[in-house]
């Protein structure tokens, strides 16, 4: 079984470090690519620009997506991914500080696979990191890709 690739789409360095630290703490050793903007995330998933070499930059197996991004928003990234034949089956988990019901509704209407609110402390974040690893990368049987 191949080591799943995670695309973390997050613009705040503190949240990136928190996510990576929590993954290490729970023993999640998957390769994590980081995109700090929505535009970079779309370039990565669609293999544009510096990400055109699919050997070096394969499609992610899971996308962890923040909603509040500079430029292209997380909502727009989600919508672009879910309307493309190439990427519509890639599981997308929104990991955001937003508790807005409207954000949740837009995400689910756009095809998000899960919506998680970022915990405020590290111990709670460890629970989320463990759940991501256990469910999305271990228990869940992902979609077929052709």
Protein backbone atom coordinates (compact mmCIF):
# COMPACT_ATOMS: atom_id res chain seq x y z
CA UNK A 1 0.00 0.00 0.00
CA UNK A 2 1.40 3.38 -0.97
CA UNK A 3 1.96 6.15 1.51
CA UNK A 4 -0.91 8.58 0.95
CA UNK A 5 -0.09 12.14 -0.05
CA UNK A 6 -1.83 14.93 1.85
CA UNK A 7 -2.21 18.42 0.40
CA UNK A 8 -2.51 20.91 3.25
CA UNK A 9 -3.99 24.18 2.02
CA UNK A 10 -3.34 26.74 4.75
CA UNK A 11 -1.97 30.28 4.72
CA UNK A 12 -1.11 30.75 8.40
CA UNK A 13 2.36 29.47 9.34
CA UNK A 14 1.25 28.84 12.93
CA UNK A 15 -1.58 26.56 11.74
CA UNK A 16 0.75 24.77 9.31
CA UNK A 17 3.23 24.09 12.13
CA UNK A 18 0.44 23.03 14.48
CA UNK A 19 -0.91 20.58 11.89
CA UNK A 20 2.51 19.11 11.07
CA UNK A 21 3.45 18.86 14.77
CA UNK A 22 0.19 17.11 15.59
CA UNK A 23 0.70 14.66 12.70
CA UNK A 24 4.17 13.81 14.04
CA UNK A 25 2.82 13.41 17.58
CA UNK A 26 0.20 10.88 16.47
CA UNK A 27 2.62 9.02 14.20
CA UNK A 28 1.17 10.15 10.89
CA UNK A 29 4.14 9.82 8.54
CA UNK A 30 2.44 10.62 5.24
CA UNK A 31 4.05 13.05 2.83
CA UNK A 32 2.44 16.48 3.23
CA UNK A 33 2.56 19.06 0.44
CA UNK A 34 1.73 22.60 1.54
CA UNK A 35 -0.07 25.25 -0.50
CA UNK A 36 -0.36 28.65 1.18
CA UNK A 37 -2.84 30.09 -1.33
CA UNK A 38 -5.88 28.85 -3.19
CA UNK A 39 -4.12 29.53 -6.49
CA UNK A 40 -1.16 27.36 -5.49
CA UNK A 41 -3.51 24.59 -4.35
CA UNK A 42 -5.25 24.60 -7.74
CA UNK A 43 -1.90 24.66 -9.55
CA UNK A 44 -0.84 21.62 -7.53
CA UNK A 45 -3.99 19.53 -8.02
CA UNK A 46 -4.25 20.35 -11.73
CA UNK A 47 -0.52 19.96 -12.39
CA UNK A 48 0.03 23.53 -13.58
CA UNK A 49 3.28 25.50 -13.66
CA UNK A 50 5.93 24.14 -11.29
CA UNK A 51 3.70 21.13 -10.50
CA UNK A 52 3.45 19.81 -14.08
CA UNK A 53 5.73 16.83 -13.32
CA UNK A 54 3.22 14.28 -11.96
CA UNK A 55 6.05 11.93 -10.94
CA UNK A 56 7.41 14.61 -8.60
CA UNK A 57 3.99 16.05 -7.70
CA UNK A 58 1.36 13.28 -7.86
CA UNK A 59 -2.29 13.94 -7.21
CA UNK A 60 -2.99 14.10 -3.48
CA UNK A 61 -4.94 11.30 -1.81
CA UNK A 62 -6.47 13.76 0.66
CA UNK A 63 -6.84 17.54 0.72
CA UNK A 64 -7.05 19.41 4.03
CA UNK A 65 -8.50 22.78 3.07
CA UNK A 66 -8.75 26.04 4.98
CA UNK A 67 -11.52 28.35 3.79
CA UNK A 68 -10.05 31.76 4.54
CA UNK A 69 -7.20 32.11 2.05
CA UNK A 70 -5.69 35.10 0.29
CA UNK A 71 -6.92 35.51 -3.28
CA UNK A 72 -8.78 32.37 -4.33
CA UNK A 73 -10.82 31.18 -1.34
CA UNK A 74 -11.10 27.65 -0.01
CA UNK A 75 -14.70 27.61 -1.27
CA UNK A 76 -13.46 28.30 -4.80
CA UNK A 77 -10.74 25.64 -4.54
CA UNK A 78 -13.36 23.11 -3.43
CA UNK A 79 -15.75 24.05 -6.25
CA UNK A 80 -13.03 23.81 -8.92
CA UNK A 81 -11.86 20.43 -7.62
CA UNK A 82 -15.34 18.93 -7.43
CA UNK A 83 -16.38 20.03 -10.93
CA UNK A 84 -13.33 18.50 -12.60
CA UNK A 85 -13.31 14.88 -13.76
CA UNK A 86 -9.63 14.69 -12.76
CA UNK A 87 -10.09 15.71 -9.13
CA UNK A 88 -13.75 15.32 -8.17
CA UNK A 89 -13.15 12.04 -6.33
CA UNK A 90 -10.25 13.27 -4.21
CA UNK A 91 -11.50 13.48 -0.62
CA UNK A 92 -11.54 17.07 0.63
CA UNK A 93 -11.74 17.78 4.34
CA UNK A 94 -12.31 21.40 5.26
CA UNK A 95 -10.24 22.26 8.32
CA UNK A 96 -11.21 25.77 9.31
CA UNK A 97 -11.74 28.08 12.24
CA UNK A 98 -15.13 29.08 10.81
CA UNK A 99 -18.18 27.97 12.74
CA UNK A 100 -20.49 29.75 10.29
CA UNK A 101 -23.48 27.69 9.24
CA UNK A 102 -23.33 29.38 5.82
CA UNK A 103 -19.76 28.15 5.28
CA UNK A 104 -20.81 24.62 6.16
CA UNK A 105 -23.78 24.76 3.81
CA UNK A 106 -21.70 26.07 0.89
CA UNK A 107 -19.05 23.41 1.47
CA UNK A 108 -21.50 20.52 1.59
CA UNK A 109 -23.39 21.90 -1.41
CA UNK A 110 -20.06 21.97 -3.25
CA UNK A 111 -19.26 18.34 -2.45
CA UNK A 112 -16.96 18.51 0.58
CA UNK A 113 -16.37 15.14 2.20
CA UNK A 114 -16.04 16.43 5.75
CA UNK A 115 -16.09 19.75 7.63
CA UNK A 116 -13.94 20.09 10.76
CA UNK A 117 -13.58 23.14 12.98
CA UNK A 118 -9.98 23.68 14.08
CA UNK A 119 -9.59 23.10 17.79
CA UNK A 120 -8.13 25.92 19.84
CA UNK A 121 -5.62 23.90 21.86
CA UNK A 122 -2.95 21.39 20.93
CA UNK A 123 -4.44 18.43 22.83
CA UNK A 124 -7.74 18.79 20.98
CA UNK A 125 -5.84 19.20 17.70
CA UNK A 126 -4.11 15.86 18.39
CA UNK A 127 -7.55 14.22 18.56
CA UNK A 128 -8.41 15.70 15.14
CA UNK A 129 -5.04 14.64 13.66
CA UNK A 130 -5.46 11.10 14.96
CA UNK A 131 -9.00 10.95 13.57
CA UNK A 132 -7.82 12.15 10.15
CA UNK A 133 -5.15 9.45 10.10
CA UNK A 134 -7.39 6.72 11.44
CA UNK A 135 -10.40 7.43 9.27
CA UNK A 136 -9.31 9.07 6.01
CA UNK A 137 -5.98 7.27 5.62
CA UNK A 138 -6.65 3.90 7.25
CA UNK A 139 -10.31 2.86 7.61
CA UNK A 140 -11.91 4.71 4.70
CA UNK A 141 -11.93 2.88 1.36
CA UNK A 142 -11.24 5.67 -1.10
CA UNK A 143 -12.87 6.13 -4.48
CA UNK A 144 -11.58 4.32 -7.54
CA UNK A 145 -9.35 6.35 -9.84
CA UNK A 146 -9.03 5.53 -13.50
